Amino acid sequence: MIIASNGAEIVAPTMDVVKPPRTIDTRDAAATNYWAYRLSVSPQDLSAAIEKVGSSVAAVRRHLGK
């Protein structure tokens, strides 16, 4: 809660937080390209990493050292 200079209470607006998905959907070309860009790898390298460790973003990041 925030108190204004005149003593009135001001309720700060809440912002919805958008979180990226926890897994990479390799059937979705846009998602694959997004994650390849975010992880600074080619889509082919991303696919190879997913083949080895699964589609978990955390696992792929660890595997790629990102």
Protein backbone atom coordinates (compact mmCIF):
# COMPACT_ATOMS: atom_id res chain seq x y z
CA MET A 1 0.00 0.00 0.00
CA ILE A 2 1.18 3.52 -0.80
CA ILE A 3 0.24 6.61 1.18
CA ALA A 4 -0.14 9.81 -0.84
CA SER A 5 1.10 13.17 0.44
CA ASN A 6 -2.47 14.05 1.43
CA GLY A 7 -2.69 10.90 3.57
CA ALA A 8 -4.94 8.98 1.19
CA GLU A 9 -4.21 5.32 0.58
CA ILE A 10 -3.31 4.42 -2.97
CA VAL A 11 -3.58 0.88 -4.18
CA ALA A 12 -0.82 0.14 -6.65
CA PRO A 13 -2.01 -1.68 -9.77
CA THR A 14 -0.93 -5.26 -10.06
CA MET A 15 0.81 -6.34 -13.21
CA ASP A 16 0.30 -9.75 -14.69
CA VAL A 17 3.64 -11.43 -15.11
CA VAL A 18 4.10 -13.49 -18.23
CA LYS A 19 6.46 -16.38 -17.71
CA PRO A 20 7.98 -18.33 -20.57
CA PRO A 21 6.99 -21.98 -20.78
CA ARG A 22 9.09 -24.54 -18.91
CA THR A 23 9.42 -26.77 -21.96
CA ILE A 24 10.29 -26.16 -25.59
CA ASP A 25 7.63 -27.30 -28.06
CA THR A 26 9.64 -28.63 -30.99
CA ARG A 27 6.46 -29.10 -33.04
CA ASP A 28 6.04 -25.31 -33.05
CA ALA A 29 8.54 -23.65 -35.43
CA ALA A 30 8.00 -20.23 -33.83
CA ALA A 31 8.75 -21.62 -30.36
CA THR A 32 11.83 -23.43 -31.61
CA ASN A 33 13.12 -20.30 -33.33
CA TYR A 34 12.38 -18.21 -30.22
CA TRP A 35 14.35 -20.51 -27.94
CA ALA A 36 17.19 -20.87 -30.45
CA TYR A 37 17.44 -17.07 -30.52
CA ARG A 38 17.16 -16.76 -26.72
CA LEU A 39 19.88 -19.37 -26.19
CA SER A 40 22.09 -18.07 -29.02
CA VAL A 41 22.21 -21.38 -30.85
CA SER A 42 20.98 -22.60 -34.21
CA PRO A 43 17.62 -24.38 -34.37
CA GLN A 44 19.55 -27.53 -35.34
CA ASP A 45 21.80 -27.29 -32.26
CA LEU A 46 18.73 -26.70 -30.12
CA SER A 47 17.04 -29.78 -31.57
CA ALA A 48 20.17 -31.85 -30.92
CA ALA A 49 20.26 -30.66 -27.30
CA ILE A 50 16.58 -31.52 -26.86
CA GLU A 51 17.23 -35.00 -28.29
CA LYS A 52 19.91 -35.54 -25.63
CA VAL A 53 18.35 -34.00 -22.51
CA GLY A 54 14.65 -33.54 -23.23
CA SER A 55 12.54 -30.45 -23.78
CA SER A 56 12.91 -28.87 -20.34
CA VAL A 57 14.25 -25.33 -20.78
CA ALA A 58 16.35 -25.72 -17.61
CA ALA A 59 17.88 -29.00 -18.83
CA VAL A 60 18.63 -27.55 -22.27
CA ARG A 61 20.23 -24.45 -20.69
CA ARG A 62 22.45 -26.64 -18.47
CA HIS A 63 23.41 -28.84 -21.40
CA LEU A 64 24.32 -25.84 -23.55
CA GLY A 65 26.07 -24.06 -20.66
CA LYS A 66 23.73 -21.06 -20.88
